[in-house]
Amino acid sequence: MKIESFSQKINIPNIKEFGEKYPQFLNLAQNDGKFLFDLIMTPQTFISSKELSDYGYPAVLSVANKCYQASVQKKGFVFNNHVKQFIGAAICNLMENNSYIKTGIKKSIPHPSFSRGEFYKTV
């Protein structure tokens, strides 16, 4: 057996950078939804989102279940449409900061709490 290492630099936007692009979600990212922002903005999320995108699935699928489960466990947190849009915006910010662009194509997501998600491709 041969063991090889793989390394990739991944750009992880911070809350300030996210807020500059998506000011409508800045308050949520800084306060009640910070736990979701932190869950999304990781190298692991980008790698999962990249793989899903490369295989023709919406990138948000990489965190749909994680975000939903974390939201349900957070006492007093309401998982609503604004939160789902925030999650999609965070994924978009992560993807675009790593050389992916929106395709303009949205399709259904195989998760009961989400309906549609954006497809991304490399620049």
C-alpha atoms as a PDB file:
ATOM      1  CA  MET A   1       0.000   0.000   0.000  1.00  0.00           C
ATOM      2  CA  LYS A   2       1.154   3.498  -0.793  1.00  0.00           C
ATOM      3  CA  ILE A   3       0.253   6.442   1.451  1.00  0.00           C
ATOM      4  CA  GLU A   4       0.182   9.912  -0.039  1.00  0.00           C
ATOM      5  CA  SER A   5      -0.611  13.296   1.455  1.00  0.00           C
ATOM      6  CA  PHE A   6      -2.809  15.926  -0.083  1.00  0.00           C
ATOM      7  CA  SER A   7      -2.790  19.605   0.817  1.00  0.00           C
ATOM      8  CA  GLN A   8      -4.961  22.428  -0.452  1.00  0.00           C
ATOM      9  CA  LYS A   9      -5.174  26.075   0.585  1.00  0.00           C
ATOM     10  CA  ILE A  10      -8.765  27.101   1.201  1.00  0.00           C
ATOM     11  CA  ASN A  11      -9.967  30.668   1.633  1.00  0.00           C
ATOM     12  CA  ILE A  12     -12.326  30.925   4.600  1.00  0.00           C
ATOM     13  CA  PRO A  13     -14.219  34.240   4.716  1.00  0.00           C
ATOM     14  CA  ASN A  14     -14.579  35.895   8.110  1.00  0.00           C
ATOM     15  CA  ILE A  15     -17.766  37.541   9.376  1.00  0.00           C
ATOM     16  CA  LYS A  16     -16.655  41.010   8.262  1.00  0.00           C
ATOM     17  CA  GLU A  17     -15.983  39.828   4.700  1.00  0.00           C
ATOM     18  CA  PHE A  18     -19.267  37.926   4.669  1.00  0.00           C
ATOM     19  CA  GLY A  19     -21.138  41.001   5.935  1.00  0.00           C
ATOM     20  CA  GLU A  20     -19.665  43.201   3.214  1.00  0.00           C
ATOM     21  CA  LYS A  21     -21.174  40.958   0.556  1.00  0.00           C
ATOM     22  CA  TYR A  22     -24.353  39.996   2.453  1.00  0.00           C
ATOM     23  CA  PRO A  23     -25.233  42.863   4.827  1.00  0.00           C
ATOM     24  CA  GLN A  24     -28.789  41.523   5.202  1.00  0.00           C
ATOM     25  CA  PHE A  25     -27.367  38.493   7.047  1.00  0.00           C
ATOM     26  CA  LEU A  26     -24.606  40.186   9.067  1.00  0.00           C
ATOM     27  CA  ASN A  27     -26.638  40.482  12.271  1.00  0.00           C
ATOM     28  CA  LEU A  28     -27.581  36.803  12.114  1.00  0.00           C
ATOM     29  CA  ALA A  29     -23.965  35.771  11.399  1.00  0.00           C
ATOM     30  CA  GLN A  30     -22.654  37.816  14.334  1.00  0.00           C
ATOM     31  CA  ASN A  31     -25.315  36.856  16.856  1.00  0.00           C
ATOM     32  CA  ASP A  32     -27.959  34.107  16.945  1.00  0.00           C
ATOM     33  CA  GLY A  33     -26.638  32.333  13.826  1.00  0.00           C
ATOM     34  CA  LYS A  34     -22.921  32.523  14.634  1.00  0.00           C
ATOM     35  CA  PHE A  35     -22.931  28.809  15.448  1.00  0.00           C
ATOM     36  CA  LEU A  36     -24.132  28.131  11.877  1.00  0.00           C
ATOM     37  CA  PHE A  37     -21.587  30.525  10.377  1.00  0.00           C
ATOM     38  CA  ASP A  38     -18.815  28.734  12.282  1.00  0.00           C
ATOM     39  CA  LEU A  39     -20.158  25.331  11.223  1.00  0.00           C
ATOM     40  CA  ILE A  40     -20.214  26.366   7.544  1.00  0.00           C
ATOM     41  CA  MET A  41     -16.945  28.267   7.266  1.00  0.00           C
ATOM     42  CA  THR A  42     -14.538  25.331   7.474  1.00  0.00           C
ATOM     43  CA  PRO A  43     -12.169  23.638   5.050  1.00  0.00           C
ATOM     44  CA  GLN A  44     -14.206  20.432   5.401  1.00  0.00           C
ATOM     45  CA  THR A  45     -17.375  22.204   4.257  1.00  0.00           C
ATOM     46  CA  PHE A  46     -15.614  23.606   1.217  1.00  0.00           C
ATOM     47  CA  ILE A  47     -14.208  20.208   0.260  1.00  0.00           C
ATOM     48  CA  SER A  48     -17.651  18.591   0.606  1.00  0.00           C
ATOM     49  CA  SER A  49     -19.324  21.446  -1.298  1.00  0.00           C
ATOM     50  CA  LYS A  50     -16.677  21.267  -4.011  1.00  0.00           C
ATOM     51  CA  GLU A  51     -17.152  17.525  -4.456  1.00  0.00           C
ATOM     52  CA  LEU A  52     -20.933  17.835  -4.582  1.00  0.00           C
ATOM     53  CA  SER A  53     -20.651  20.678  -7.107  1.00  0.00           C
ATOM     54  CA  ASP A  54     -18.220  18.735  -9.248  1.00  0.00           C
ATOM     55  CA  TYR A  55     -20.684  15.826  -9.336  1.00  0.00           C
ATOM     56  CA  GLY A  56     -23.666  18.020 -10.207  1.00  0.00           C
ATOM     57  CA  TYR A  57     -25.355  18.526  -6.845  1.00  0.00           C
ATOM     58  CA  PRO A  58     -26.212  21.774  -5.027  1.00  0.00           C
ATOM     59  CA  ALA A  59     -23.347  22.800  -2.733  1.00  0.00           C
ATOM     60  CA  VAL A  60     -25.644  23.597   0.196  1.00  0.00           C
ATOM     61  CA  LEU A  61     -26.387  19.884   0.479  1.00  0.00           C
ATOM     62  CA  SER A  62     -22.984  19.574   2.182  1.00  0.00           C
ATOM     63  CA  VAL A  63     -24.338  21.348   5.289  1.00  0.00           C
ATOM     64  CA  ALA A  64     -28.112  21.040   5.004  1.00  0.00           C
ATOM     65  CA  ASN A  65     -28.498  18.287   7.566  1.00  0.00           C
ATOM     66  CA  LYS A  66     -25.727  19.551   9.877  1.00  0.00           C
ATOM     67  CA  CYS A  67     -27.230  23.046   9.976  1.00  0.00           C
ATOM     68  CA  TYR A  68     -30.750  21.760  10.485  1.00  0.00           C
ATOM     69  CA  GLN A  69     -29.712  19.415  13.310  1.00  0.00           C
ATOM     70  CA  ALA A  70     -27.600  22.103  15.022  1.00  0.00           C
ATOM     71  CA  SER A  71     -30.511  24.561  14.757  1.00  0.00           C
ATOM     72  CA  VAL A  72     -32.995  22.124  16.274  1.00  0.00           C
ATOM     73  CA  GLN A  73     -30.661  21.519  19.210  1.00  0.00           C
ATOM     74  CA  LYS A  74     -30.131  25.257  19.837  1.00  0.00           C
ATOM     75  CA  LYS A  75     -32.725  26.278  22.417  1.00  0.00           C
ATOM     76  CA  GLY A  76     -34.927  29.127  21.228  1.00  0.00           C
ATOM     77  CA  PHE A  77     -33.466  29.219  17.708  1.00  0.00           C
ATOM     78  CA  VAL A  78     -36.018  29.242  14.892  1.00  0.00           C
ATOM     79  CA  PHE A  79     -35.046  27.501  11.646  1.00  0.00           C
ATOM     80  CA  ASN A  80     -36.969  29.589   9.115  1.00  0.00           C
ATOM     81  CA  ASN A  81     -36.635  30.793   5.515  1.00  0.00           C
ATOM     82  CA  HIS A  82     -34.334  33.663   6.512  1.00  0.00           C
ATOM     83  CA  VAL A  83     -31.979  31.176   8.175  1.00  0.00           C
ATOM     84  CA  LYS A  84     -32.038  28.926   5.097  1.00  0.00           C
ATOM     85  CA  GLN A  85     -31.214  31.915   2.879  1.00  0.00           C
ATOM     86  CA  PHE A  86     -28.385  32.821   5.269  1.00  0.00           C
ATOM     87  CA  ILE A  87     -26.984  29.282   4.976  1.00  0.00           C
ATOM     88  CA  GLY A  88     -27.149  29.513   1.180  1.00  0.00           C
ATOM     89  CA  ALA A  89     -25.422  32.909   1.233  1.00  0.00           C
ATOM     90  CA  ALA A  90     -22.659  31.553   3.480  1.00  0.00           C
ATOM     91  CA  ILE A  91     -22.083  28.606   1.133  1.00  0.00           C
ATOM     92  CA  CYS A  92     -22.048  31.003  -1.828  1.00  0.00           C
ATOM     93  CA  ASN A  93     -19.470  33.202  -0.089  1.00  0.00           C
ATOM     94  CA  LEU A  94     -17.301  30.181   0.689  1.00  0.00           C
ATOM     95  CA  MET A  95     -17.534  28.819  -2.859  1.00  0.00           C
ATOM     96  CA  GLU A  96     -16.894  32.162  -4.567  1.00  0.00           C
ATOM     97  CA  ASN A  97     -13.842  32.777  -2.380  1.00  0.00           C
ATOM     98  CA  ASN A  98     -12.423  29.509  -3.683  1.00  0.00           C
ATOM     99  CA  SER A  99     -12.757  30.015  -7.464  1.00  0.00           C
ATOM    100  CA  TYR A 100     -16.315  28.774  -7.961  1.00  0.00           C
ATOM    101  CA  ILE A 101     -19.109  30.779  -9.570  1.00  0.00           C
ATOM    102  CA  LYS A 102     -22.871  30.450  -9.635  1.00  0.00           C
ATOM    103  CA  THR A 103     -24.263  28.751 -12.706  1.00  0.00           C
ATOM    104  CA  GLY A 104     -27.724  30.285 -12.384  1.00  0.00           C
ATOM    105  CA  ILE A 105     -29.138  26.769 -12.155  1.00  0.00           C
ATOM    106  CA  LYS A 106     -31.129  25.816  -9.080  1.00  0.00           C
ATOM    107  CA  LYS A 107     -32.491  22.364  -8.436  1.00  0.00           C
ATOM    108  CA  SER A 108     -34.172  20.545  -5.603  1.00  0.00           C
ATOM    109  CA  ILE A 109     -32.164  19.419  -2.612  1.00  0.00           C
ATOM    110  CA  PRO A 110     -32.784  15.927  -1.215  1.00  0.00           C
ATOM    111  CA  HIS A 111     -33.370  17.201   2.323  1.00  0.00           C
ATOM    112  CA  PRO A 112     -36.815  17.768   3.848  1.00  0.00           C
ATOM    113  CA  SER A 113     -35.955  21.209   5.295  1.00  0.00           C
ATOM    114  CA  PHE A 114     -34.550  22.726   2.111  1.00  0.00           C
ATOM    115  CA  SER A 115     -36.213  23.122  -1.259  1.00  0.00           C
ATOM    116  CA  ARG A 116     -33.764  24.390  -3.885  1.00  0.00           C
ATOM    117  CA  GLY A 117     -30.045  25.080  -4.089  1.00  0.00           C
ATOM    118  CA  GLU A 118     -27.614  26.802  -6.411  1.00  0.00           C
ATOM    119  CA  PHE A 119     -25.152  24.925  -8.591  1.00  0.00           C
ATOM    120  CA  TYR A 120     -21.549  26.120  -8.843  1.00  0.00           C
ATOM    121  CA  LYS A 121     -18.731  25.550 -11.305  1.00  0.00           C
ATOM    122  CA  THR A 122     -15.037  26.386 -11.283  1.00  0.00           C
ATOM    123  CA  VAL A 123     -13.882  29.570 -12.965  1.00  0.00           C
END
